[in-house]
Structure formats: C-alpha cells, structure tokens
Amino acid sequence: GDGVLREASSGLREVVAPLAAYVSVRASTIDALASRDLLTLTPLPTQP
C-alpha cells in the first residue's frame, strides 16, 4: 500500500516507491492493471 508513481515533465513515468519496485515494476504494467480495475492511481496533494 505504499507504492508511488512519479510522472516527470519530460513524460517519463516510473515507480519510485517502494524502492525495490523501482526497476522491477514498469509504468506500462501499472497502466494495464489500472485499466482492468486491479490498481488505482490517486494524485498525492503534497507531492505534485
């Protein structure tokens, strides 16, 4: 429950937390899971 996705102004999207997921989890996989309602993405108000 502590996962965080960062979306840079350059368009780069990457999982930045947990740290061990940085390399192993791709943004494209996140999108696929979200499209099937298996995962939700919620904007963090304190972290643009």
All heavy atoms as atom14 arrays in JSON, in Angstrom:
{
  "sequence": "GDGVLREASSGLREVVAPLAAYVSVRASTIDALASRDLLTLTPLPTQP",
  "atom14_mask": [
    [1, 1, 1, 1, 0, 0, 0, 0, 0, 0, 0, 0, 0, 0],
    [1, 1, 1, 1, 1, 1, 1, 1, 0, 0, 0, 0, 0, 0],
    [1, 1, 1, 1, 0, 0, 0, 0, 0, 0, 0, 0, 0, 0],
    [1, 1, 1, 1, 1, 1, 1, 0, 0, 0, 0, 0, 0, 0],
    [1, 1, 1, 1, 1, 1, 1, 1, 0, 0, 0, 0, 0, 0],
    [1, 1, 1, 1, 1, 1, 1, 1, 1, 1, 1, 0, 0, 0],
    [1, 1, 1, 1, 1, 1, 1, 1, 1, 0, 0, 0, 0, 0],
    [1, 1, 1, 1, 1, 0, 0, 0, 0, 0, 0, 0, 0, 0],
    [1, 1, 1, 1, 1, 1, 0, 0, 0, 0, 0, 0, 0, 0],
    [1, 1, 1, 1, 1, 1, 0, 0, 0, 0, 0, 0, 0, 0],
    [1, 1, 1, 1, 0, 0, 0, 0, 0, 0, 0, 0, 0, 0],
    [1, 1, 1, 1, 1, 1, 1, 1, 0, 0, 0, 0, 0, 0],
    [1, 1, 1, 1, 1, 1, 1, 1, 1, 1, 1, 0, 0, 0],
    [1, 1, 1, 1, 1, 1, 1, 1, 1, 0, 0, 0, 0, 0],
    [1, 1, 1, 1, 1, 1, 1, 0, 0, 0, 0, 0, 0, 0],
    [1, 1, 1, 1, 1, 1, 1, 0, 0, 0, 0, 0, 0, 0],
    [1, 1, 1, 1, 1, 0, 0, 0, 0, 0, 0, 0, 0, 0],
    [1, 1, 1, 1, 1, 1, 1, 0, 0, 0, 0, 0, 0, 0],
    [1, 1, 1, 1, 1, 1, 1, 1, 0, 0, 0, 0, 0, 0],
    [1, 1, 1, 1, 1, 0, 0, 0, 0, 0, 0, 0, 0, 0],
    [1, 1, 1, 1, 1, 0, 0, 0, 0, 0, 0, 0, 0, 0],
    [1, 1, 1, 1, 1, 1, 1, 1, 1, 1, 1, 1, 0, 0],
    [1, 1, 1, 1, 1, 1, 1, 0, 0, 0, 0, 0, 0, 0],
    [1, 1, 1, 1, 1, 1, 0, 0, 0, 0, 0, 0, 0, 0],
    [1, 1, 1, 1, 1, 1, 1, 0, 0, 0, 0, 0, 0, 0],
    [1, 1, 1, 1, 1, 1, 1, 1, 1, 1, 1, 0, 0, 0],
    [1, 1, 1, 1, 1, 0, 0, 0, 0, 0, 0, 0, 0, 0],
    [1, 1, 1, 1, 1, 1, 0, 0, 0, 0, 0, 0, 0, 0],
    [1, 1, 1, 1, 1, 1, 1, 0, 0, 0, 0, 0, 0, 0],
    [1, 1, 1, 1, 1, 1, 1, 1, 0, 0, 0, 0, 0, 0],
    [1, 1, 1, 1, 1, 1, 1, 1, 0, 0, 0, 0, 0, 0],
    [1, 1, 1, 1, 1, 0, 0, 0, 0, 0, 0, 0, 0, 0],
    [1, 1, 1, 1, 1, 1, 1, 1, 0, 0, 0, 0, 0, 0],
    [1, 1, 1, 1, 1, 0, 0, 0, 0, 0, 0, 0, 0, 0],
    [1, 1, 1, 1, 1, 1, 0, 0, 0, 0, 0, 0, 0, 0],
    [1, 1, 1, 1, 1, 1, 1, 1, 1, 1, 1, 0, 0, 0],
    [1, 1, 1, 1, 1, 1, 1, 1, 0, 0, 0, 0, 0, 0],
    [1, 1, 1, 1, 1, 1, 1, 1, 0, 0, 0, 0, 0, 0],
    [1, 1, 1, 1, 1, 1, 1, 1, 0, 0, 0, 0, 0, 0],
    [1, 1, 1, 1, 1, 1, 1, 0, 0, 0, 0, 0, 0, 0],
    [1, 1, 1, 1, 1, 1, 1, 1, 0, 0, 0, 0, 0, 0],
    [1, 1, 1, 1, 1, 1, 1, 0, 0, 0, 0, 0, 0, 0],
    [1, 1, 1, 1, 1, 1, 1, 0, 0, 0, 0, 0, 0, 0],
    [1, 1, 1, 1, 1, 1, 1, 1, 0, 0, 0, 0, 0, 0],
    [1, 1, 1, 1, 1, 1, 1, 0, 0, 0, 0, 0, 0, 0],
    [1, 1, 1, 1, 1, 1, 1, 0, 0, 0, 0, 0, 0, 0],
    [1, 1, 1, 1, 1, 1, 1, 1, 1, 0, 0, 0, 0, 0],
    [1, 1, 1, 1, 1, 1, 1, 0, 0, 0, 0, 0, 0, 0]
  ],
  "atom14_positions": [
    [[0.77, -1.22, 0.0], [0.0, 0.0, 0.0], [0.81, 1.27, 0.0], [0.25, 2.37, 0.13], [0.0, 0.0, 0.0], [0.0, 0.0, 0.0], [0.0, 0.0, 0.0], [0.0, 0.0, 0.0], [0.0, 0.0, 0.0], [0.0, 0.0, 0.0], [0.0, 0.0, 0.0], [0.0, 0.0, 0.0], [0.0, 0.0, 0.0], [0.0, 0.0, 0.0]],
    [[2.15, 1.17, -0.15], [2.99, 2.37, -0.11], [3.61, 2.69, -1.47], [4.61, 3.39, -1.56], [4.11, 2.21, 0.92], [4.98, 0.97, 0.67], [4.58, 0.14, -0.16], [6.04, 0.85, 1.31], [0.0, 0.0, 0.0], [0.0, 0.0, 0.0], [0.0, 0.0, 0.0], [0.0, 0.0, 0.0], [0.0, 0.0, 0.0], [0.0, 0.0, 0.0]],
    [[2.98, 2.21, -2.55], [3.5, 2.46, -3.89], [3.27, 3.89, -4.35], [2.23, 4.5, -4.06], [0.0, 0.0, 0.0], [0.0, 0.0, 0.0], [0.0, 0.0, 0.0], [0.0, 0.0, 0.0], [0.0, 0.0, 0.0], [0.0, 0.0, 0.0], [0.0, 0.0, 0.0], [0.0, 0.0, 0.0], [0.0, 0.0, 0.0], [0.0, 0.0, 0.0]],
    [[4.25, 4.42, -5.07], [4.14, 5.78, -5.6], [4.69, 5.8, -7.03], [5.77, 5.26, -7.3], [4.94, 6.8, -4.75], [4.88, 8.2, -5.39], [4.39, 6.85, -3.33], [0.0, 0.0, 0.0], [0.0, 0.0, 0.0], [0.0, 0.0, 0.0], [0.0, 0.0, 0.0], [0.0, 0.0, 0.0], [0.0, 0.0, 0.0], [0.0, 0.0, 0.0]],
    [[3.93, 6.41, -7.93], [4.35, 6.6, -9.32], [4.66, 8.07, -9.54], [3.86, 8.94, -9.16], [3.26, 6.14, -10.28], [3.53, 6.35, -11.77], [4.5, 5.3, -12.28], [2.23, 6.29, -12.57], [0.0, 0.0, 0.0], [0.0, 0.0, 0.0], [0.0, 0.0, 0.0], [0.0, 0.0, 0.0], [0.0, 0.0, 0.0], [0.0, 0.0, 0.0]],
    [[5.8, 8.37, -10.15], [6.17, 9.75, -10.46], [6.05, 9.98, -11.95], [6.48, 9.15, -12.75], [7.6, 10.04, -10.01], [8.05, 11.49, -10.27], [9.43, 11.72, -9.72], [10.44, 11.02, -10.52], [11.08, 11.57, -11.55], [10.83, 12.82, -11.91], [12.0, 10.88, -12.22], [0.0, 0.0, 0.0], [0.0, 0.0, 0.0], [0.0, 0.0, 0.0]],
    [[5.47, 11.11, -12.32], [5.31, 11.49, -13.72], [6.06, 12.79, -13.96], [5.63, 13.87, -13.54], [3.83, 11.64, -14.07], [3.56, 11.78, -15.55], [2.08, 11.73, -15.86], [1.54, 10.61, -15.97], [1.48, 12.81, -15.97], [0.0, 0.0, 0.0], [0.0, 0.0, 0.0], [0.0, 0.0, 0.0], [0.0, 0.0, 0.0], [0.0, 0.0, 0.0]],
    [[7.23, 12.7, -14.61], [8.07, 13.88, -14.82], [7.53, 14.72, -15.97], [6.76, 14.25, -16.82], [9.51, 13.44, -15.12], [0.0, 0.0, 0.0], [0.0, 0.0, 0.0], [0.0, 0.0, 0.0], [0.0, 0.0, 0.0], [0.0, 0.0, 0.0], [0.0, 0.0, 0.0], [0.0, 0.0, 0.0], [0.0, 0.0, 0.0], [0.0, 0.0, 0.0]],
    [[7.96, 15.99, -16.01], [7.53, 16.89, -17.08], [8.0, 16.43, -18.45], [7.4, 16.76, -19.47], [8.06, 18.3, -16.8], [9.48, 18.29, -16.69], [0.0, 0.0, 0.0], [0.0, 0.0, 0.0], [0.0, 0.0, 0.0], [0.0, 0.0, 0.0], [0.0, 0.0, 0.0], [0.0, 0.0, 0.0], [0.0, 0.0, 0.0], [0.0, 0.0, 0.0]],
    [[9.08, 15.63, -18.47], [9.6, 15.1, -19.72], [8.75, 13.97, -20.28], [8.96, 13.51, -21.41], [11.03, 14.6, -19.52], [11.06, 13.54, -18.57], [0.0, 0.0, 0.0], [0.0, 0.0, 0.0], [0.0, 0.0, 0.0], [0.0, 0.0, 0.0], [0.0, 0.0, 0.0], [0.0, 0.0, 0.0], [0.0, 0.0, 0.0], [0.0, 0.0, 0.0]],
    [[7.78, 13.51, -19.47], [6.94, 12.4, -19.9], [7.36, 11.08, -19.31], [6.66, 10.08, -19.45], [0.0, 0.0, 0.0], [0.0, 0.0, 0.0], [0.0, 0.0, 0.0], [0.0, 0.0, 0.0], [0.0, 0.0, 0.0], [0.0, 0.0, 0.0], [0.0, 0.0, 0.0], [0.0, 0.0, 0.0], [0.0, 0.0, 0.0], [0.0, 0.0, 0.0]],
    [[8.52, 11.06, -18.63], [8.99, 9.83, -18.0], [8.1, 9.47, -16.83], [7.8, 10.3, -15.98], [10.44, 10.01, -17.52], [11.04, 8.83, -16.75], [11.19, 7.62, -17.66], [12.38, 9.23, -16.14], [0.0, 0.0, 0.0], [0.0, 0.0, 0.0], [0.0, 0.0, 0.0], [0.0, 0.0, 0.0], [0.0, 0.0, 0.0], [0.0, 0.0, 0.0]],
    [[7.65, 8.24, -16.79], [6.81, 7.75, -15.7], [7.49, 6.54, -15.08], [7.84, 5.59, -15.78], [5.42, 7.39, -16.21], [4.71, 8.57, -16.86], [3.47, 8.16, -17.63], [2.42, 7.68, -16.76], [1.96, 6.44, -16.76], [2.49, 5.53, -17.58], [0.99, 6.08, -15.95], [0.0, 0.0, 0.0], [0.0, 0.0, 0.0], [0.0, 0.0, 0.0]],
    [[7.67, 6.57, -13.75], [8.38, 5.49, -13.09], [7.89, 5.31, -11.67], [7.43, 6.26, -11.02], [9.89, 5.77, -13.09], [10.26, 7.08, -12.43], [11.73, 7.42, -12.59], [12.47, 6.61, -13.18], [12.13, 8.5, -12.12], [0.0, 0.0, 0.0], [0.0, 0.0, 0.0], [0.0, 0.0, 0.0], [0.0, 0.0, 0.0], [0.0, 0.0, 0.0]],
    [[7.96, 4.06, -11.2], [7.61, 3.76, -9.81], [8.8, 4.13, -8.93], [9.91, 3.63, -9.15], [7.26, 2.26, -9.66], [7.0, 1.92, -8.19], [6.05, 1.91, -10.51], [0.0, 0.0, 0.0], [0.0, 0.0, 0.0], [0.0, 0.0, 0.0], [0.0, 0.0, 0.0], [0.0, 0.0, 0.0], [0.0, 0.0, 0.0], [0.0, 0.0, 0.0]],
    [[8.59, 5.0, -7.98], [9.68, 5.47, -7.12], [9.58, 4.9, -5.7], [10.49, 5.08, -4.89], [9.73, 7.0, -7.07], [10.09, 7.55, -8.45], [8.4, 7.59, -6.58], [0.0, 0.0, 0.0], [0.0, 0.0, 0.0], [0.0, 0.0, 0.0], [0.0, 0.0, 0.0], [0.0, 0.0, 0.0], [0.0, 0.0, 0.0], [0.0, 0.0, 0.0]],
    [[8.49, 4.25, -5.37], [8.34, 3.61, -4.07], [7.36, 2.44, -4.22], [6.39, 2.54, -4.98], [7.83, 4.6, -3.03], [0.0, 0.0, 0.0], [0.0, 0.0, 0.0], [0.0, 0.0, 0.0], [0.0, 0.0, 0.0], [0.0, 0.0, 0.0], [0.0, 0.0, 0.0], [0.0, 0.0, 0.0], [0.0, 0.0, 0.0], [0.0, 0.0, 0.0]],
    [[7.65, 1.34, -3.51], [8.83, 1.06, -2.71], [10.1, 1.04, -3.58], [10.04, 0.8, -4.79], [8.55, -0.32, -2.12], [7.11, -0.58, -2.33], [6.71, 0.2, -3.52], [0.0, 0.0, 0.0], [0.0, 0.0, 0.0], [0.0, 0.0, 0.0], [0.0, 0.0, 0.0], [0.0, 0.0, 0.0], [0.0, 0.0, 0.0], [0.0, 0.0, 0.0]],
    [[11.24, 1.25, -2.92], [12.5, 1.35, -3.65], [12.79, 0.08, -4.45], [13.28, 0.15, -5.59], [13.64, 1.63, -2.68], [15.02, 1.86, -3.29], [15.0, 3.04, -4.25], [16.07, 2.07, -2.2], [0.0, 0.0, 0.0], [0.0, 0.0, 0.0], [0.0, 0.0, 0.0], [0.0, 0.0, 0.0], [0.0, 0.0, 0.0], [0.0, 0.0, 0.0]],
    [[12.49, -1.08, -3.89], [12.77, -2.34, -4.57], [11.92, -2.55, -5.8], [12.2, -3.43, -6.62], [12.59, -3.52, -3.61], [0.0, 0.0, 0.0], [0.0, 0.0, 0.0], [0.0, 0.0, 0.0], [0.0, 0.0, 0.0], [0.0, 0.0, 0.0], [0.0, 0.0, 0.0], [0.0, 0.0, 0.0], [0.0, 0.0, 0.0], [0.0, 0.0, 0.0]],
    [[10.86, -1.74, -5.96], [10.0, -1.86, -7.14], [10.42, -0.92, -8.26], [9.84, -0.96, -9.35], [8.54, -1.57, -6.76], [0.0, 0.0, 0.0], [0.0, 0.0, 0.0], [0.0, 0.0, 0.0], [0.0, 0.0, 0.0], [0.0, 0.0, 0.0], [0.0, 0.0, 0.0], [0.0, 0.0, 0.0], [0.0, 0.0, 0.0], [0.0, 0.0, 0.0]],
    [[11.43, -0.1, -8.01], [11.84, 0.92, -8.98], [12.22, 0.3, -10.33], [11.83, 0.8, -11.38], [13.01, 1.72, -8.41], [13.59, 2.74, -9.37], [12.91, 3.91, -9.65], [14.81, 2.51, -10.0], [13.43, 4.85, -10.52], [15.34, 3.44, -10.88], [14.66, 4.61, -11.14], [15.17, 5.52, -12.01], [0.0, 0.0, 0.0], [0.0, 0.0, 0.0]],
    [[12.96, -0.77, -10.29], [13.42, -1.42, -11.52], [12.44, -2.51, -11.97], [12.22, -2.7, -13.17], [14.82, -2.03, -11.32], [15.26, -2.82, -12.56], [15.84, -0.94, -11.03], [0.0, 0.0, 0.0], [0.0, 0.0, 0.0], [0.0, 0.0, 0.0], [0.0, 0.0, 0.0], [0.0, 0.0, 0.0], [0.0, 0.0, 0.0], [0.0, 0.0, 0.0]],
    [[11.84, -3.2, -11.03], [11.06, -4.4, -11.38], [9.64, -4.13, -11.87], [9.04, -4.99, -12.51], [11.0, -5.33, -10.16], [10.38, -4.68, -9.07], [0.0, 0.0, 0.0], [0.0, 0.0, 0.0], [0.0, 0.0, 0.0], [0.0, 0.0, 0.0], [0.0, 0.0, 0.0], [0.0, 0.0, 0.0], [0.0, 0.0, 0.0], [0.0, 0.0, 0.0]],
    [[9.09, -2.96, -11.58], [7.7, -2.66, -11.98], [7.71, -1.54, -13.01], [8.16, -0.43, -12.74], [6.85, -2.24, -10.77], [5.42, -1.94, -11.22], [6.85, -3.34, -9.71], [0.0, 0.0, 0.0], [0.0, 0.0, 0.0], [0.0, 0.0, 0.0], [0.0, 0.0, 0.0], [0.0, 0.0, 0.0], [0.0, 0.0, 0.0], [0.0, 0.0, 0.0]],
    [[7.18, -1.82, -14.2], [7.16, -0.85, -15.29], [5.86, -0.05, -15.28], [4.81, -0.54, -14.85], [7.32, -1.55, -16.63], [8.65, -2.28, -16.8], [8.73, -2.95, -18.15], [10.0, -3.62, -18.37], [11.08, -3.04, -18.84], [11.03, -1.75, -19.17], [12.21, -3.7, -19.01], [0.0, 0.0, 0.0], [0.0, 0.0, 0.0], [0.0, 0.0, 0.0]],
    [[5.96, 1.18, -15.78], [4.78, 2.03, -15.85], [3.72, 1.42, -16.76], [2.51, 1.57, -16.51], [5.17, 3.42, -16.35], [0.0, 0.0, 0.0], [0.0, 0.0, 0.0], [0.0, 0.0, 0.0], [0.0, 0.0, 0.0], [0.0, 0.0, 0.0], [0.0, 0.0, 0.0], [0.0, 0.0, 0.0], [0.0, 0.0, 0.0], [0.0, 0.0, 0.0]],
    [[4.14, 0.73, -17.82], [3.17, 0.11, -18.73], [2.37, -0.97, -18.01], [1.18, -1.17, -18.3], [3.9, -0.49, -19.94], [4.87, -1.43, -19.53], [0.0, 0.0, 0.0], [0.0, 0.0, 0.0], [0.0, 0.0, 0.0], [0.0, 0.0, 0.0], [0.0, 0.0, 0.0], [0.0, 0.0, 0.0], [0.0, 0.0, 0.0], [0.0, 0.0, 0.0]],
    [[3.01, -1.68, -17.08], [2.3, -2.7, -16.3], [1.3, -2.03, -15.37], [0.17, -2.53, -15.18], [3.29, -3.54, -15.49], [4.28, -4.1, -16.36], [2.58, -4.68, -14.77], [0.0, 0.0, 0.0], [0.0, 0.0, 0.0], [0.0, 0.0, 0.0], [0.0, 0.0, 0.0], [0.0, 0.0, 0.0], [0.0, 0.0, 0.0], [0.0, 0.0, 0.0]],
    [[1.69, -0.9, -14.79], [0.77, -0.14, -13.93], [-0.47, 0.25, -14.73], [-1.61, 0.11, -14.26], [1.46, 1.12, -13.38], [2.65, 0.73, -12.5], [0.48, 2.0, -12.63], [2.29, -0.01, -11.26], [0.0, 0.0, 0.0], [0.0, 0.0, 0.0], [0.0, 0.0, 0.0], [0.0, 0.0, 0.0], [0.0, 0.0, 0.0], [0.0, 0.0, 0.0]],
    [[-0.27, 0.75, -15.94], [-1.39, 1.17, -16.78], [-2.32, -0.01, -17.1], [-3.55, 0.13, -17.08], [-0.88, 1.79, -18.08], [-0.17, 3.11, -17.85], [-0.41, 3.74, -16.81], [0.65, 3.49, -18.71], [0.0, 0.0, 0.0], [0.0, 0.0, 0.0], [0.0, 0.0, 0.0], [0.0, 0.0, 0.0], [0.0, 0.0, 0.0], [0.0, 0.0, 0.0]],
    [[-1.71, -1.15, -17.4], [-2.52, -2.34, -17.72], [-3.36, -2.77, -16.53], [-4.54, -3.12, -16.68], [-1.6, -3.48, -18.17], [0.0, 0.0, 0.0], [0.0, 0.0, 0.0], [0.0, 0.0, 0.0], [0.0, 0.0, 0.0], [0.0, 0.0, 0.0], [0.0, 0.0, 0.0], [0.0, 0.0, 0.0], [0.0, 0.0, 0.0], [0.0, 0.0, 0.0]],
    [[-2.78, -2.73, -15.34], [-3.52, -3.11, -14.13], [-4.63, -2.11, -13.83], [-5.74, -2.48, -13.45], [-2.57, -3.21, -12.95], [-1.56, -4.37, -12.99], [-0.52, -4.21, -11.89], [-2.28, -5.71, -12.85], [0.0, 0.0, 0.0], [0.0, 0.0, 0.0], [0.0, 0.0, 0.0], [0.0, 0.0, 0.0], [0.0, 0.0, 0.0], [0.0, 0.0, 0.0]],
    [[-4.34, -0.82, -14.01], [-5.34, 0.21, -13.75], [-6.51, 0.11, -14.73], [-7.67, 0.32, -14.35], [-4.7, 1.59, -13.84], [0.0, 0.0, 0.0], [0.0, 0.0, 0.0], [0.0, 0.0, 0.0], [0.0, 0.0, 0.0], [0.0, 0.0, 0.0], [0.0, 0.0, 0.0], [0.0, 0.0, 0.0], [0.0, 0.0, 0.0], [0.0, 0.0, 0.0]],
    [[-6.23, -0.24, -15.99], [-7.29, -0.36, -16.99], [-8.23, -1.52, -16.7], [-9.37, -1.54, -17.19], [-6.67, -0.54, -18.38], [-6.03, -1.8, -18.5], [0.0, 0.0, 0.0], [0.0, 0.0, 0.0], [0.0, 0.0, 0.0], [0.0, 0.0, 0.0], [0.0, 0.0, 0.0], [0.0, 0.0, 0.0], [0.0, 0.0, 0.0], [0.0, 0.0, 0.0]],
    [[-7.75, -2.47, -15.88], [-8.58, -3.62, -15.53], [-9.15, -3.5, -14.11], [-9.65, -4.48, -13.55], [-7.74, -4.91, -15.66], [-7.11, -5.07, -17.03], [-6.2, -6.28, -17.09], [-6.96, -7.52, -17.14], [-6.38, -8.73, -17.11], [-5.06, -8.85, -17.06], [-7.13, -9.81, -17.15], [0.0, 0.0, 0.0], [0.0, 0.0, 0.0], [0.0, 0.0, 0.0]],
    [[-9.01, -2.3, -13.53], [-9.52, -2.03, -12.18], [-8.88, -2.91, -11.12], [-9.51, -3.24, -10.1], [-11.05, -2.19, -12.13], [-11.76, -1.17, -13.01], [-11.26, -0.04, -13.12], [-12.81, -1.53, -13.6], [0.0, 0.0, 0.0], [0.0, 0.0, 0.0], [0.0, 0.0, 0.0], [0.0, 0.0, 0.0], [0.0, 0.0, 0.0], [0.0, 0.0, 0.0]],
    [[-7.64, -3.28, -11.33], [-6.9, -4.06, -10.34], [-5.98, -3.17, -9.5], [-5.43, -3.61, -8.49], [-6.05, -5.14, -11.03], [-6.83, -6.12, -11.92], [-5.88, -7.13, -12.56], [-7.91, -6.84, -11.11], [0.0, 0.0, 0.0], [0.0, 0.0, 0.0], [0.0, 0.0, 0.0], [0.0, 0.0, 0.0], [0.0, 0.0, 0.0], [0.0, 0.0, 0.0]],
    [[-5.87, -1.91, -9.93], [-4.98, -0.97, -9.26], [-5.54, 0.44, -9.47], [-6.09, 0.74, -10.53], [-3.57, -1.07, -9.85], [-2.44, -0.31, -9.18], [-2.05, -0.98, -7.87], [-1.22, -0.26, -10.11], [0.0, 0.0, 0.0], [0.0, 0.0, 0.0], [0.0, 0.0, 0.0], [0.0, 0.0, 0.0], [0.0, 0.0, 0.0], [0.0, 0.0, 0.0]],
    [[-5.41, 1.29, -8.48], [-5.85, 2.68, -8.61], [-4.67, 3.63, -8.48], [-3.7, 3.33, -7.76], [-6.9, 3.05, -7.54], [-6.34, 2.89, -6.23], [-8.13, 2.18, -7.68], [0.0, 0.0, 0.0], [0.0, 0.0, 0.0], [0.0, 0.0, 0.0], [0.0, 0.0, 0.0], [0.0, 0.0, 0.0], [0.0, 0.0, 0.0], [0.0, 0.0, 0.0]],
    [[-4.74, 4.74, -9.2], [-3.74, 5.81, -9.1], [-4.43, 7.05, -8.56], [-5.4, 7.54, -9.15], [-3.13, 6.12, -10.47], [-2.15, 5.1, -11.07], [-2.89, 3.93, -11.68], [-1.27, 5.76, -12.12], [0.0, 0.0, 0.0], [0.0, 0.0, 0.0], [0.0, 0.0, 0.0], [0.0, 0.0, 0.0], [0.0, 0.0, 0.0], [0.0, 0.0, 0.0]],
    [[-3.94, 7.57, -7.45], [-4.54, 8.73, -6.8], [-3.5, 9.84, -6.67], [-2.43, 9.62, -6.09], [-5.06, 8.36, -5.4], [-5.95, 7.26, -5.5], [-5.76, 9.55, -4.77], [0.0, 0.0, 0.0], [0.0, 0.0, 0.0], [0.0, 0.0, 0.0], [0.0, 0.0, 0.0], [0.0, 0.0, 0.0], [0.0, 0.0, 0.0], [0.0, 0.0, 0.0]],
    [[-3.77, 11.04, -7.23], [-2.82, 12.15, -7.09], [-2.52, 12.44, -5.63], [-3.41, 12.46, -4.79], [-3.54, 13.32, -7.76], [-4.54, 12.68, -8.68], [-4.98, 11.42, -8.0], [0.0, 0.0, 0.0], [0.0, 0.0, 0.0], [0.0, 0.0, 0.0], [0.0, 0.0, 0.0], [0.0, 0.0, 0.0], [0.0, 0.0, 0.0], [0.0, 0.0, 0.0]],
    [[-1.24, 12.68, -5.32], [-0.84, 13.0, -3.96], [-0.78, 14.52, -3.8], [0.03, 15.18, -4.46], [0.53, 12.38, -3.65], [0.6, 10.85, -3.73], [2.02, 10.36, -3.45], [-0.38, 10.21, -2.75], [0.0, 0.0, 0.0], [0.0, 0.0, 0.0], [0.0, 0.0, 0.0], [0.0, 0.0, 0.0], [0.0, 0.0, 0.0], [0.0, 0.0, 0.0]],
    [[-1.64, 15.11, -2.98], [-1.72, 16.57, -2.89], [-0.42, 17.22, -2.43], [-0.11, 18.36, -2.82], [-2.83, 16.8, -1.85], [-3.23, 15.49, -1.34], [-2.59, 14.43, -2.12], [0.0, 0.0, 0.0], [0.0, 0.0, 0.0], [0.0, 0.0, 0.0], [0.0, 0.0, 0.0], [0.0, 0.0, 0.0], [0.0, 0.0, 0.0], [0.0, 0.0, 0.0]],
    [[0.36, 16.52, -1.61], [1.61, 17.11, -1.09], [2.8, 16.87, -2.02], [3.88, 17.41, -1.77], [1.93, 16.54, 0.29], [2.06, 15.11, 0.2], [0.82, 16.88, 1.29], [0.0, 0.0, 0.0], [0.0, 0.0, 0.0], [0.0, 0.0, 0.0], [0.0, 0.0, 0.0], [0.0, 0.0, 0.0], [0.0, 0.0, 0.0], [0.0, 0.0, 0.0]],
    [[2.6, 16.07, -3.07], [3.68, 15.76, -3.99], [3.17, 15.9, -5.43], [2.62, 14.95, -5.99], [4.22, 14.34, -3.77], [4.89, 14.12, -2.43], [5.37, 12.69, -2.28], [4.63, 11.8, -1.85], [6.62, 12.46, -2.65], [0.0, 0.0, 0.0], [0.0, 0.0, 0.0], [0.0, 0.0, 0.0], [0.0, 0.0, 0.0], [0.0, 0.0, 0.0]],
    [[3.35, 17.06, -6.02], [2.9, 17.26, -7.4], [3.52, 16.23, -8.35], [4.69, 15.85, -8.19], [3.39, 18.67, -7.73], [3.53, 19.34, -6.4], [3.96, 18.27, -5.45], [0.0, 0.0, 0.0], [0.0, 0.0, 0.0], [0.0, 0.0, 0.0], [0.0, 0.0, 0.0], [0.0, 0.0, 0.0], [0.0, 0.0, 0.0], [0.0, 0.0, 0.0]]
  ]
}
